[in-house]
Amino acid sequence: MTVVNETKRQVVTVSGRGETKQQAFAAAFSSIQKQLVGNGDEAILRIIPEKVEPLKLVKSSYTEKFLFFFFKRTRTTYAVTLAVTVAVSAIDLDALTFEDVTTPSTDALSLPNLKNMLKGVK
């Protein structure tokens, strides 16, 4: 048998938001696989992030009040955009040849006793 998996490097741009820095980065990293699966006709075996370069880091804050006066608090959200270099180990499905086997239809009924029942009706 021949080896069918190959490893290639690719740069993926992802973004994420969250109420903490960790949530924003986790949201960005979780979308790496979605982007890679949507781009090609291959079965992905492993994705290894090798280099992370922040493109845009935004911290936004606003003051929230209940009934315009009460319970004042400051809410903070973080948004990140990252360029991630990943090593993708995958199998190229277009390069594989599949054996074509024809099977009988599952819609056909197999009634072996039907002939015997019809002989008794005469």
PDB file of N, CA and C in Angstrom:
ATOM      1  N   MET A   1       0.841  -1.188   0.000  1.00  0.00           N
ATOM      2  CA  MET A   1       0.000   0.000   0.000  1.00  0.00           C
ATOM      3  C   MET A   1       0.885   1.250   0.000  1.00  0.00           C
ATOM      4  N   THR A   2       0.429   2.271  -0.614  1.00  0.00           N
ATOM      5  CA  THR A   2       1.159   3.528  -0.649  1.00  0.00           C
ATOM      6  C   THR A   2       0.640   4.464   0.431  1.00  0.00           C
ATOM      7  N   VAL A   3       1.466   5.389   0.832  1.00  0.00           N
ATOM      8  CA  VAL A   3       1.079   6.389   1.825  1.00  0.00           C
ATOM      9  C   VAL A   3       0.298   7.485   1.112  1.00  0.00           C
ATOM     10  N   VAL A   4      -0.870   7.820   1.629  1.00  0.00           N
ATOM     11  CA  VAL A   4      -1.741   8.775   0.949  1.00  0.00           C
ATOM     12  C   VAL A   4      -1.842  10.114   1.664  1.00  0.00           C
ATOM     13  N   ASN A   5      -1.313  10.219   2.876  1.00  0.00           N
ATOM     14  CA  ASN A   5      -1.422  11.501   3.580  1.00  0.00           C
ATOM     15  C   ASN A   5      -0.218  12.383   3.257  1.00  0.00           C
ATOM     16  N   GLU A   6      -0.450  13.667   3.288  1.00  0.00           N
ATOM     17  CA  GLU A   6       0.603  14.644   3.030  1.00  0.00           C
ATOM     18  C   GLU A   6       0.429  15.800   4.000  1.00  0.00           C
ATOM     19  N   THR A   7       1.526  16.496   4.295  1.00  0.00           N
ATOM     20  CA  THR A   7       1.499  17.635   5.200  1.00  0.00           C
ATOM     21  C   THR A   7       1.847  18.892   4.417  1.00  0.00           C
ATOM     22  N   LYS A   8       1.028  19.919   4.572  1.00  0.00           N
ATOM     23  CA  LYS A   8       1.308  21.194   3.914  1.00  0.00           C
ATOM     24  C   LYS A   8       1.056  22.327   4.895  1.00  0.00           C
ATOM     25  N   ARG A   9       1.693  23.451   4.635  1.00  0.00           N
ATOM     26  CA  ARG A   9       1.528  24.640   5.479  1.00  0.00           C
ATOM     27  C   ARG A   9       0.600  25.627   4.781  1.00  0.00           C
ATOM     28  N   GLN A  10      -0.193  26.304   5.611  1.00  0.00           N
ATOM     29  CA  GLN A  10      -1.196  27.212   5.079  1.00  0.00           C
ATOM     30  C   GLN A  10      -1.412  28.341   6.085  1.00  0.00           C
ATOM     31  N   VAL A  11      -1.691  29.536   5.593  1.00  0.00           N
ATOM     32  CA  VAL A  11      -1.993  30.675   6.458  1.00  0.00           C
ATOM     33  C   VAL A  11      -3.506  30.904   6.421  1.00  0.00           C
ATOM     34  N   VAL A  12      -4.111  30.944   7.602  1.00  0.00           N
ATOM     35  CA  VAL A  12      -5.557  31.125   7.728  1.00  0.00           C
ATOM     36  C   VAL A  12      -5.806  32.381   8.557  1.00  0.00           C
ATOM     37  N   THR A  13      -6.707  33.244   8.101  1.00  0.00           N
ATOM     38  CA  THR A  13      -7.090  34.445   8.855  1.00  0.00           C
ATOM     39  C   THR A  13      -8.416  34.163   9.553  1.00  0.00           C
ATOM     40  N   VAL A  14      -8.411  34.276  10.885  1.00  0.00           N
ATOM     41  CA  VAL A  14      -9.607  33.993  11.680  1.00  0.00           C
ATOM     42  C   VAL A  14      -9.870  35.148  12.628  1.00  0.00           C
ATOM     43  N   SER A  15     -11.109  35.240  13.091  1.00  0.00           N
ATOM     44  CA  SER A  15     -11.457  36.283  14.050  1.00  0.00           C
ATOM     45  C   SER A  15     -12.435  35.720  15.068  1.00  0.00           C
ATOM     46  N   GLY A  16     -12.464  36.365  16.237  1.00  0.00           N
ATOM     47  CA  GLY A  16     -13.358  35.929  17.295  1.00  0.00           C
ATOM     48  C   GLY A  16     -13.613  37.055  18.274  1.00  0.00           C
ATOM     49  N   ARG A  17     -14.709  36.932  19.018  1.00  0.00           N
ATOM     50  CA  ARG A  17     -15.047  37.922  20.033  1.00  0.00           C
ATOM     51  C   ARG A  17     -15.485  37.205  21.292  1.00  0.00           C
ATOM     52  N   GLY A  18     -15.336  37.911  22.417  1.00  0.00           N
ATOM     53  CA  GLY A  18     -15.741  37.351  23.691  1.00  0.00           C
ATOM     54  C   GLY A  18     -15.681  38.379  24.792  1.00  0.00           C
ATOM     55  N   GLU A  19     -16.192  38.004  25.957  1.00  0.00           N
ATOM     56  CA  GLU A  19     -16.202  38.913  27.103  1.00  0.00           C
ATOM     57  C   GLU A  19     -14.848  38.947  27.803  1.00  0.00           C
ATOM     58  N   THR A  20     -13.997  37.951  27.551  1.00  0.00           N
ATOM     59  CA  THR A  20     -12.641  37.942  28.086  1.00  0.00           C
ATOM     60  C   THR A  20     -11.668  37.724  26.933  1.00  0.00           C
ATOM     61  N   LYS A  21     -10.394  37.952  27.197  1.00  0.00           N
ATOM     62  CA  LYS A  21      -9.377  37.740  26.162  1.00  0.00           C
ATOM     63  C   LYS A  21      -9.312  36.264  25.770  1.00  0.00           C
ATOM     64  N   GLN A  22      -9.430  35.390  26.763  1.00  0.00           N
ATOM     65  CA  GLN A  22      -9.374  33.962  26.501  1.00  0.00           C
ATOM     66  C   GLN A  22     -10.540  33.509  25.625  1.00  0.00           C
ATOM     67  N   GLN A  23     -11.732  34.034  25.873  1.00  0.00           N
ATOM     68  CA  GLN A  23     -12.896  33.675  25.062  1.00  0.00           C
ATOM     69  C   GLN A  23     -12.735  34.151  23.622  1.00  0.00           C
ATOM     70  N   ALA A  24     -12.166  35.340  23.440  1.00  0.00           N
ATOM     71  CA  ALA A  24     -11.962  35.875  22.093  1.00  0.00           C
ATOM     72  C   ALA A  24     -10.969  35.016  21.312  1.00  0.00           C
ATOM     73  N   PHE A  25      -9.856  34.629  21.951  1.00  0.00           N
ATOM     74  CA  PHE A  25      -8.876  33.780  21.273  1.00  0.00           C
ATOM     75  C   PHE A  25      -9.441  32.386  21.021  1.00  0.00           C
ATOM     76  N   ALA A  26     -10.185  31.835  21.973  1.00  0.00           N
ATOM     77  CA  ALA A  26     -10.776  30.506  21.792  1.00  0.00           C
ATOM     78  C   ALA A  26     -11.783  30.503  20.647  1.00  0.00           C
ATOM     79  N   ALA A  27     -12.565  31.573  20.523  1.00  0.00           N
ATOM     80  CA  ALA A  27     -13.524  31.671  19.419  1.00  0.00           C
ATOM     81  C   ALA A  27     -12.804  31.744  18.075  1.00  0.00           C
ATOM     82  N   ALA A  28     -11.677  32.456  18.043  1.00  0.00           N
ATOM     83  CA  ALA A  28     -10.910  32.553  16.800  1.00  0.00           C
ATOM     84  C   ALA A  28     -10.296  31.204  16.432  1.00  0.00           C
ATOM     85  N   PHE A  29      -9.699  30.518  17.402  1.00  0.00           N
ATOM     86  CA  PHE A  29      -9.061  29.232  17.115  1.00  0.00           C
ATOM     87  C   PHE A  29     -10.075  28.155  16.740  1.00  0.00           C
ATOM     88  N   SER A  30     -11.282  28.242  17.271  1.00  0.00           N
ATOM     89  CA  SER A  30     -12.281  27.222  16.947  1.00  0.00           C
ATOM     90  C   SER A  30     -12.766  27.332  15.502  1.00  0.00           C
ATOM     91  N   SER A  31     -12.578  28.475  14.868  1.00  0.00           N
ATOM     92  CA  SER A  31     -13.027  28.622  13.481  1.00  0.00           C
ATOM     93  C   SER A  31     -11.968  28.213  12.462  1.00  0.00           C
ATOM     94  N   ILE A  32     -10.778  27.811  12.909  1.00  0.00           N
ATOM     95  CA  ILE A  32      -9.726  27.379  11.973  1.00  0.00           C
ATOM     96  C   ILE A  32     -10.167  26.132  11.222  1.00  0.00           C
ATOM     97  N   GLN A  33     -10.681  25.144  11.924  1.00  0.00           N
ATOM     98  CA  GLN A  33     -11.092  23.900  11.278  1.00  0.00           C
ATOM     99  C   GLN A  33     -12.233  24.129  10.299  1.00  0.00           C
ATOM    100  N   LYS A  34     -13.185  24.994  10.649  1.00  0.00           N
ATOM    101  CA  LYS A  34     -14.301  25.275   9.746  1.00  0.00           C
ATOM    102  C   LYS A  34     -13.820  25.853   8.426  1.00  0.00           C
ATOM    103  N   GLN A  35     -12.838  26.734   8.482  1.00  0.00           N
ATOM    104  CA  GLN A  35     -12.307  27.327   7.257  1.00  0.00           C
ATOM    105  C   GLN A  35     -11.557  26.309   6.426  1.00  0.00           C
ATOM    106  N   LEU A  36     -10.770  25.459   7.047  1.00  0.00           N
ATOM    107  CA  LEU A  36      -9.982  24.486   6.301  1.00  0.00           C
ATOM    108  C   LEU A  36     -10.850  23.413   5.664  1.00  0.00           C
ATOM    109  N   VAL A  37     -11.891  22.969   6.344  1.00  0.00           N
ATOM    110  CA  VAL A  37     -12.771  21.946   5.793  1.00  0.00           C
ATOM    111  C   VAL A  37     -13.566  22.505   4.616  1.00  0.00           C
ATOM    112  N   GLY A  38     -13.983  23.750   4.689  1.00  0.00           N
ATOM    113  CA  GLY A  38     -14.762  24.350   3.613  1.00  0.00           C
ATOM    114  C   GLY A  38     -13.952  24.650   2.369  1.00  0.00           C
ATOM    115  N   ASN A  39     -12.618  24.683   2.464  1.00  0.00           N
ATOM    116  CA  ASN A  39     -11.792  25.088   1.329  1.00  0.00           C
ATOM    117  C   ASN A  39     -11.436  23.966   0.368  1.00  0.00           C
ATOM    118  N   GLY A  40     -11.384  22.716   0.778  1.00  0.00           N
ATOM    119  CA  GLY A  40     -10.837  21.703  -0.104  1.00  0.00           C
ATOM    120  C   GLY A  40     -11.575  20.387  -0.109  1.00  0.00           C
ATOM    121  N   ASP A  41     -11.139  19.510  -1.008  1.00  0.00           N
ATOM    122  CA  ASP A  41     -11.689  18.168  -1.127  1.00  0.00           C
ATOM    123  C   ASP A  41     -10.704  17.171  -0.537  1.00  0.00           C
ATOM    124  N   GLU A  42     -10.510  17.274   0.769  1.00  0.00           N
ATOM    125  CA  GLU A  42      -9.567  16.386   1.431  1.00  0.00           C
ATOM    126  C   GLU A  42     -10.079  16.045   2.819  1.00  0.00           C
ATOM    127  N   ALA A  43      -9.626  14.905   3.323  1.00  0.00           N
ATOM    128  CA  ALA A  43      -9.963  14.482   4.678  1.00  0.00           C
ATOM    129  C   ALA A  43      -8.834  14.915   5.596  1.00  0.00           C
ATOM    130  N   ILE A  44      -9.127  15.814   6.511  1.00  0.00           N
ATOM    131  CA  ILE A  44      -8.101  16.374   7.382  1.00  0.00           C
ATOM    132  C   ILE A  44      -7.852  15.431   8.554  1.00  0.00           C
ATOM    133  N   LEU A  45      -6.583  15.108   8.763  1.00  0.00           N
ATOM    134  CA  LEU A  45      -6.187  14.233   9.861  1.00  0.00           C
ATOM    135  C   LEU A  45      -5.750  15.016  11.092  1.00  0.00           C
ATOM    136  N   ARG A  46      -4.948  16.080  10.877  1.00  0.00           N
ATOM    137  CA  ARG A  46      -4.398  16.837  12.000  1.00  0.00           C
ATOM    138  C   ARG A  46      -4.149  18.276  11.576  1.00  0.00           C
ATOM    139  N   ILE A  47      -4.441  19.204  12.495  1.00  0.00           N
ATOM    140  CA  ILE A  47      -4.172  20.624  12.286  1.00  0.00           C
ATOM    141  C   ILE A  47      -3.297  21.096  13.445  1.00  0.00           C
ATOM    142  N   ILE A  48      -2.093  21.588  13.111  1.00  0.00           N
ATOM    143  CA  ILE A  48      -1.169  22.047  14.149  1.00  0.00           C
ATOM    144  C   ILE A  48      -0.875  23.530  13.918  1.00  0.00           C
ATOM    145  N   PRO A  49      -1.331  24.425  14.818  1.00  0.00           N
ATOM    146  CA  PRO A  49      -0.968  25.834  14.684  1.00  0.00           C
ATOM    147  C   PRO A  49       0.522  26.014  14.980  1.00  0.00           C
ATOM    148  N   GLU A  50       1.250  26.625  14.049  1.00  0.00           N
ATOM    149  CA  GLU A  50       2.683  26.812  14.230  1.00  0.00           C
ATOM    150  C   GLU A  50       3.051  28.238  14.603  1.00  0.00           C
ATOM    151  N   LYS A  51       2.354  29.203  14.025  1.00  0.00           N
ATOM    152  CA  LYS A  51       2.690  30.606  14.273  1.00  0.00           C
ATOM    153  C   LYS A  51       1.397  31.414  14.301  1.00  0.00           C
ATOM    154  N   VAL A  52       1.266  32.275  15.308  1.00  0.00           N
ATOM    155  CA  VAL A  52       0.080  33.125  15.452  1.00  0.00           C
ATOM    156  C   VAL A  52       0.532  34.575  15.402  1.00  0.00           C
ATOM    157  N   GLU A  53      -0.030  35.315  14.447  1.00  0.00           N
ATOM    158  CA  GLU A  53       0.305  36.731  14.300  1.00  0.00           C
ATOM    159  C   GLU A  53      -0.966  37.559  14.476  1.00  0.00           C
ATOM    160  N   PRO A  54      -1.049  38.379  15.524  1.00  0.00           N
ATOM    161  CA  PRO A  54      -2.243  39.216  15.702  1.00  0.00           C
ATOM    162  C   PRO A  54      -2.290  40.327  14.651  1.00  0.00           C
ATOM    163  N   LEU A  55      -3.399  40.417  13.938  1.00  0.00           N
ATOM    164  CA  LEU A  55      -3.587  41.477  12.957  1.00  0.00           C
ATOM    165  C   LEU A  55      -4.336  42.666  13.549  1.00  0.00           C
ATOM    166  N   LYS A  56      -5.338  42.361  14.376  1.00  0.00           N
ATOM    167  CA  LYS A  56      -6.141  43.430  14.971  1.00  0.00           C
ATOM    168  C   LYS A  56      -6.643  42.965  16.331  1.00  0.00           C
ATOM    169  N   LEU A  57      -6.368  43.762  17.365  1.00  0.00           N
ATOM    170  CA  LEU A  57      -6.825  43.479  18.723  1.00  0.00           C
ATOM    171  C   LEU A  57      -7.618  44.684  19.212  1.00  0.00           C
ATOM    172  N   VAL A  58      -8.895  44.476  19.539  1.00  0.00           N
ATOM    173  CA  VAL A  58      -9.772  45.579  19.924  1.00  0.00           C
ATOM    174  C   VAL A  58     -10.418  45.271  21.270  1.00  0.00           C
ATOM    175  N   LYS A  59     -10.347  46.248  22.185  1.00  0.00           N
ATOM    176  CA  LYS A  59     -11.025  46.168  23.476  1.00  0.00           C
ATOM    177  C   LYS A  59     -12.045  47.294  23.492  1.00  0.00           C
ATOM    178  N   SER A  60     -13.330  46.945  23.618  1.00  0.00           N
ATOM    179  CA  SER A  60     -14.362  47.976  23.648  1.00  0.00           C
ATOM    180  C   SER A  60     -15.110  47.893  24.976  1.00  0.00           C
ATOM    181  N   SER A  61     -15.343  49.065  25.575  1.00  0.00           N
ATOM    182  CA  SER A  61     -16.018  49.147  26.872  1.00  0.00           C
ATOM    183  C   SER A  61     -17.174  50.129  26.781  1.00  0.00           C
ATOM    184  N   TYR A  62     -18.209  49.836  27.531  1.00  0.00           N
ATOM    185  CA  TYR A  62     -19.334  50.766  27.638  1.00  0.00           C
ATOM    186  C   TYR A  62     -19.958  50.619  29.021  1.00  0.00           C
ATOM    187  N   THR A  63     -20.630  51.667  29.467  1.00  0.00           N
ATOM    188  CA  THR A  63     -21.260  51.670  30.776  1.00  0.00           C
ATOM    189  C   THR A  63     -22.727  51.316  30.614  1.00  0.00           C
ATOM    190  N   GLU A  64     -23.177  50.395  31.419  1.00  0.00           N
ATOM    191  CA  GLU A  64     -24.546  49.900  31.357  1.00  0.00           C
ATOM    192  C   GLU A  64     -25.249  50.304  32.649  1.00  0.00           C
ATOM    193  N   LYS A  65     -26.494  50.817  32.543  1.00  0.00           N
ATOM    194  CA  LYS A  65     -27.250  51.249  33.719  1.00  0.00           C
ATOM    195  C   LYS A  65     -28.650  50.654  33.659  1.00  0.00           C
ATOM    196  N   PHE A  66     -29.171  50.319  34.831  1.00  0.00           N
ATOM    197  CA  PHE A  66     -30.527  49.824  34.941  1.00  0.00           C
ATOM    198  C   PHE A  66     -31.456  51.009  35.194  1.00  0.00           C
ATOM    199  N   LEU A  67     -32.478  51.185  34.366  1.00  0.00           N
ATOM    200  CA  LEU A  67     -33.418  52.309  34.446  1.00  0.00           C
ATOM    201  C   LEU A  67     -32.683  53.650  34.427  1.00  0.00           C
ATOM    202  N   PHE A  68     -31.656  53.744  33.622  1.00  0.00           N
ATOM    203  CA  PHE A  68     -30.891  54.957  33.346  1.00  0.00           C
ATOM    204  C   PHE A  68     -30.080  55.497  34.526  1.00  0.00           C
ATOM    205  N   PHE A  69     -30.307  55.016  35.759  1.00  0.00           N
ATOM    206  CA  PHE A  69     -29.602  55.552  36.915  1.00  0.00           C
ATOM    207  C   PHE A  69     -28.981  54.494  37.824  1.00  0.00           C
ATOM    208  N   PHE A  70     -29.629  53.345  37.961  1.00  0.00           N
ATOM    209  CA  PHE A  70     -29.260  52.377  38.983  1.00  0.00           C
ATOM    210  C   PHE A  70     -28.313  51.295  38.451  1.00  0.00           C
ATOM    211  N   PHE A  71     -27.570  50.701  39.377  1.00  0.00           N
ATOM    212  CA  PHE A  71     -26.703  49.559  39.098  1.00  0.00           C
ATOM    213  C   PHE A  71     -25.774  49.794  37.911  1.00  0.00           C
ATOM    214  N   LYS A  72     -25.024  50.828  37.995  1.00  0.00           N
ATOM    215  CA  LYS A  72     -24.091  51.167  36.927  1.00  0.00           C
ATOM    216  C   LYS A  72     -22.945  50.159  36.915  1.00  0.00           C
ATOM    217  N   ARG A  73     -22.599  49.650  35.712  1.00  0.00           N
ATOM    218  CA  ARG A  73     -21.447  48.756  35.568  1.00  0.00           C
ATOM    219  C   ARG A  73     -20.837  48.930  34.188  1.00  0.00           C
ATOM    220  N   THR A  74     -19.570  48.606  34.093  1.00  0.00           N
ATOM    221  CA  THR A  74     -18.846  48.732  32.833  1.00  0.00           C
ATOM    222  C   THR A  74     -18.711  47.346  32.197  1.00  0.00           C
ATOM    223  N   ARG A  75     -19.158  47.226  30.957  1.00  0.00           N
ATOM    224  CA  ARG A  75     -19.062  45.971  30.206  1.00  0.00           C
ATOM    225  C   ARG A  75     -17.916  46.079  29.213  1.00  0.00           C
ATOM    226  N   THR A  76     -17.153  45.020  29.088  1.00  0.00           N
ATOM    227  CA  THR A  76     -16.006  45.007  28.190  1.00  0.00           C
ATOM    228  C   THR A  76     -16.101  43.799  27.269  1.00  0.00           C
ATOM    229  N   THR A  77     -15.850  44.021  25.978  1.00  0.00           N
ATOM    230  CA  THR A  77     -15.772  42.921  25.020  1.00  0.00           C
ATOM    231  C   THR A  77     -14.454  43.026  24.266  1.00  0.00           C
ATOM    232  N   TYR A  78     -13.936  41.886  23.883  1.00  0.00           N
ATOM    233  CA  TYR A  78     -12.674  41.817  23.159  1.00  0.00           C
ATOM    234  C   TYR A  78     -12.940  41.199  21.785  1.00  0.00           C
ATOM    235  N   ALA A  79     -12.259  41.728  20.773  1.00  0.00           N
ATOM    236  CA  ALA A  79     -12.337  41.194  19.414  1.00  0.00           C
ATOM    237  C   ALA A  79     -10.911  41.040  18.890  1.00  0.00           C
ATOM    238  N   VAL A  80     -10.633  39.883  18.303  1.00  0.00           N
ATOM    239  CA  VAL A  80      -9.294  39.623  17.770  1.00  0.00           C
ATOM    240  C   VAL A  80      -9.400  39.135  16.334  1.00  0.00           C
ATOM    241  N   THR A  81      -8.426  39.519  15.534  1.00  0.00           N
ATOM    242  CA  THR A  81      -8.249  38.990  14.189  1.00  0.00           C
ATOM    243  C   THR A  81      -6.812  38.500  14.105  1.00  0.00           C
ATOM    244  N   LEU A  82      -6.649  37.229  13.721  1.00  0.00           N
ATOM    245  CA  LEU A  82      -5.343  36.590  13.755  1.00  0.00           C
ATOM    246  C   LEU A  82      -4.996  35.976  12.408  1.00  0.00           C
ATOM    247  N   ALA A  83      -3.725  35.996  12.067  1.00  0.00           N
ATOM    248  CA  ALA A  83      -3.199  35.244  10.931  1.00  0.00           C
ATOM    249  C   ALA A  83      -2.452  34.056  11.526  1.00  0.00           C
ATOM    250  N   VAL A  84      -2.973  32.859  11.301  1.00  0.00           N
ATOM    251  CA  VAL A  84      -2.426  31.649  11.910  1.00  0.00           C
ATOM    252  C   VAL A  84      -1.809  30.782  10.818  1.00  0.00           C
ATOM    253  N   THR A  85      -0.532  30.452  10.986  1.00  0.00           N
ATOM    254  CA  THR A  85       0.132  29.514  10.085  1.00  0.00           C
ATOM    255  C   THR A  85      -0.051  28.128  10.667  1.00  0.00           C
ATOM    256  N   VAL A  86      -0.676  27.226   9.897  1.00  0.00           N
ATOM    257  CA  VAL A  86      -0.972  25.885  10.375  1.00  0.00           C
ATOM    258  C   VAL A  86      -0.311  24.841   9.482  1.00  0.00           C
ATOM    259  N   ALA A  87       0.070  23.734  10.078  1.00  0.00           N
ATOM    260  CA  ALA A  87       0.528  22.561   9.336  1.00  0.00           C
ATOM    261  C   ALA A  87      -0.646  21.598   9.284  1.00  0.00           C
ATOM    262  N   VAL A  88      -1.112  21.298   8.078  1.00  0.00           N
ATOM    263  CA  VAL A  88      -2.289  20.461   7.892  1.00  0.00           C
ATOM    264  C   VAL A  88      -1.856  19.119   7.330  1.00  0.00           C
ATOM    265  N   SER A  89      -2.137  18.066   8.061  1.00  0.00           N
ATOM    266  CA  SER A  89      -1.901  16.710   7.581  1.00  0.00           C
ATOM    267  C   SER A  89      -3.243  16.190   7.082  1.00  0.00           C
ATOM    268  N   ALA A  90      -3.305  15.859   5.777  1.00  0.00           N
ATOM    269  CA  ALA A  90      -4.583  15.495   5.175  1.00  0.00           C
ATOM    270  C   ALA A  90      -4.390  14.433   4.103  1.00  0.00           C
ATOM    271  N   ILE A  91      -5.509  13.840   3.702  1.00  0.00           N
ATOM    272  CA  ILE A  91      -5.542  12.867   2.609  1.00  0.00           C
ATOM    273  C   ILE A  91      -6.269  13.512   1.443  1.00  0.00           C
ATOM    274  N   ASP A  92      -5.613  13.553   0.268  1.00  0.00           N
ATOM    275  CA  ASP A  92      -6.230  14.114  -0.932  1.00  0.00           C
ATOM    276  C   ASP A  92      -7.170  13.066  -1.519  1.00  0.00           C
ATOM    277  N   LEU A  93      -8.464  13.293  -1.411  1.00  0.00           N
ATOM    278  CA  LEU A  93      -9.452  12.317  -1.854  1.00  0.00           C
ATOM    279  C   LEU A  93      -9.551  12.227  -3.372  1.00  0.00           C
ATOM    280  N   ASP A  94      -9.188  13.290  -4.085  1.00  0.00           N
ATOM    281  CA  ASP A  94      -9.242  13.252  -5.549  1.00  0.00           C
ATOM    282  C   ASP A  94      -8.158  12.357  -6.130  1.00  0.00           C
ATOM    283  N   ALA A  95      -7.064  12.156  -5.416  1.00  0.00           N
ATOM    284  CA  ALA A  95      -5.962  11.339  -5.923  1.00  0.00           C
ATOM    285  C   ALA A  95      -6.220   9.845  -5.741  1.00  0.00           C
ATOM    286  N   LEU A  96      -7.211   9.470  -4.966  1.00  0.00           N
ATOM    287  CA  LEU A  96      -7.504   8.068  -4.703  1.00  0.00           C
ATOM    288  C   LEU A  96      -8.442   7.499  -5.757  1.00  0.00           C
ATOM    289  N   THR A  97      -8.245   6.220  -6.086  1.00  0.00           N
ATOM    290  CA  THR A  97      -9.162   5.541  -7.007  1.00  0.00           C
ATOM    291  C   THR A  97      -9.943   4.512  -6.206  1.00  0.00           C
ATOM    292  N   PHE A  98     -11.247   4.518  -6.384  1.00  0.00           N
ATOM    293  CA  PHE A  98     -12.130   3.614  -5.669  1.00  0.00           C
ATOM    294  C   PHE A  98     -12.584   2.509  -6.606  1.00  0.00           C
ATOM    295  N   GLU A  99     -12.731   1.292  -6.078  1.00  0.00           N
ATOM    296  CA  GLU A  99     -13.228   0.159  -6.844  1.00  0.00           C
ATOM    297  C   GLU A  99     -14.736   0.290  -6.960  1.00  0.00           C
ATOM    298  N   ASP A 100     -15.255   0.137  -8.163  1.00  0.00           N
ATOM    299  CA  ASP A 100     -16.688   0.284  -8.413  1.00  0.00           C
ATOM    300  C   ASP A 100     -17.350  -1.091  -8.335  1.00  0.00           C
ATOM    301  N   VAL A 101     -18.216  -1.292  -7.349  1.00  0.00           N
ATOM    302  CA  VAL A 101     -18.912  -2.560  -7.151  1.00  0.00           C
ATOM    303  C   VAL A 101     -20.404  -2.299  -7.251  1.00  0.00           C
ATOM    304  N   THR A 102     -21.091  -3.104  -8.076  1.00  0.00           N
ATOM    305  CA  THR A 102     -22.532  -2.956  -8.232  1.00  0.00           C
ATOM    306  C   THR A 102     -23.230  -3.967  -7.338  1.00  0.00           C
ATOM    307  N   THR A 103     -24.179  -3.468  -6.555  1.00  0.00           N
ATOM    308  CA  THR A 103     -24.943  -4.338  -5.661  1.00  0.00           C
ATOM    309  C   THR A 103     -26.401  -4.314  -6.095  1.00  0.00           C
ATOM    310  N   PRO A 104     -27.136  -5.375  -5.804  1.00  0.00           N
ATOM    311  CA  PRO A 104     -28.552  -5.388  -6.190  1.00  0.00           C
ATOM    312  C   PRO A 104     -29.343  -4.342  -5.414  1.00  0.00           C
ATOM    313  N   SER A 105     -30.446  -3.933  -5.996  1.00  0.00           N
ATOM    314  CA  SER A 105     -31.278  -2.899  -5.388  1.00  0.00           C
ATOM    315  C   SER A 105     -31.899  -3.401  -4.097  1.00  0.00           C
ATOM    316  N   THR A 106     -31.975  -2.522  -3.114  1.00  0.00           N
ATOM    317  CA  THR A 106     -32.618  -2.886  -1.847  1.00  0.00           C
ATOM    318  C   THR A 106     -34.134  -2.742  -1.936  1.00  0.00           C
ATOM    319  N   ASP A 107     -34.635  -2.188  -3.042  1.00  0.00           N
ATOM    320  CA  ASP A 107     -36.074  -2.032  -3.211  1.00  0.00           C
ATOM    321  C   ASP A 107     -36.739  -3.324  -3.661  1.00  0.00           C
ATOM    322  N   ALA A 108     -35.980  -4.277  -4.204  1.00  0.00           N
ATOM    323  CA  ALA A 108     -36.550  -5.523  -4.701  1.00  0.00           C
ATOM    324  C   ALA A 108     -36.985  -6.401  -3.533  1.00  0.00           C
ATOM    325  N   LEU A 109     -38.120  -7.053  -3.704  1.00  0.00           N
ATOM    326  CA  LEU A 109     -38.631  -7.956  -2.679  1.00  0.00           C
ATOM    327  C   LEU A 109     -38.186  -9.374  -2.994  1.00  0.00           C
ATOM    328  N   SER A 110     -37.735 -10.064  -2.001  1.00  0.00           N
ATOM    329  CA  SER A 110     -37.330 -11.443  -2.151  1.00  0.00           C
ATOM    330  C   SER A 110     -38.400 -12.313  -1.511  1.00  0.00           C
ATOM    331  N   LEU A 111     -39.240 -12.916  -2.344  1.00  0.00           N
ATOM    332  CA  LEU A 111     -40.328 -13.771  -1.846  1.00  0.00           C
ATOM    333  C   LEU A 111     -40.165 -15.164  -2.444  1.00  0.00           C
ATOM    334  N   PRO A 112     -39.363 -16.016  -1.821  1.00  0.00           N
ATOM    335  CA  PRO A 112     -39.130 -17.339  -2.406  1.00  0.00           C
ATOM    336  C   PRO A 112     -40.363 -18.236  -2.351  1.00  0.00           C
ATOM    337  N   ASN A 113     -41.271 -18.024  -1.413  1.00  0.00           N
ATOM    338  CA  ASN A 113     -42.452 -18.890  -1.282  1.00  0.00           C
ATOM    339  C   ASN A 113     -43.625 -18.410  -2.129  1.00  0.00           C
ATOM    340  N   LEU A 114     -43.473 -17.312  -2.861  1.00  0.00           N
ATOM    341  CA  LEU A 114     -44.567 -16.781  -3.669  1.00  0.00           C
ATOM    342  C   LEU A 114     -44.937 -17.744  -4.793  1.00  0.00           C
ATOM    343  N   LYS A 115     -43.955 -18.366  -5.416  1.00  0.00           N
ATOM    344  CA  LYS A 115     -44.235 -19.316  -6.506  1.00  0.00           C
ATOM    345  C   LYS A 115     -45.026 -20.507  -5.984  1.00  0.00           C
ATOM    346  N   ASN A 116     -44.643 -21.000  -4.806  1.00  0.00           N
ATOM    347  CA  ASN A 116     -45.354 -22.150  -4.225  1.00  0.00           C
ATOM    348  C   ASN A 116     -46.787 -21.784  -3.866  1.00  0.00           C
ATOM    349  N   MET A 117     -47.018 -20.556  -3.404  1.00  0.00           N
ATOM    350  CA  MET A 117     -48.369 -20.118  -3.036  1.00  0.00           C
ATOM    351  C   MET A 117     -49.228 -19.962  -4.276  1.00  0.00           C
ATOM    352  N   LEU A 118     -48.643 -19.470  -5.382  1.00  0.00           N
ATOM    353  CA  LEU A 118     -49.401 -19.300  -6.615  1.00  0.00           C
ATOM    354  C   LEU A 118     -49.748 -20.634  -7.252  1.00  0.00           C
ATOM    355  N   LYS A 119     -48.923 -21.665  -7.078  1.00  0.00           N
ATOM    356  CA  LYS A 119     -49.201 -22.972  -7.630  1.00  0.00           C
ATOM    357  C   LYS A 119     -50.421 -23.579  -6.939  1.00  0.00           C
ATOM    358  N   GLY A 120     -50.614 -23.308  -5.672  1.00  0.00           N
ATOM    359  CA  GLY A 120     -51.742 -23.862  -4.933  1.00  0.00           C
ATOM    360  C   GLY A 120     -53.055 -23.163  -5.238  1.00  0.00           C
ATOM    361  N   VAL A 121     -53.027 -21.967  -5.841  1.00  0.00           N
ATOM    362  CA  VAL A 121     -54.220 -21.185  -6.130  1.00  0.00           C
ATOM    363  C   VAL A 121     -54.930 -21.735  -7.367  1.00  0.00           C
ATOM    364  N   LYS A 122     -54.224 -22.321  -8.307  1.00  0.00           N
ATOM    365  CA  LYS A 122     -54.795 -22.816  -9.566  1.00  0.00           C
ATOM    366  C   LYS A 122     -55.834 -23.783  -9.274  1.00  0.00           C
TER     367      LYS A 122
END
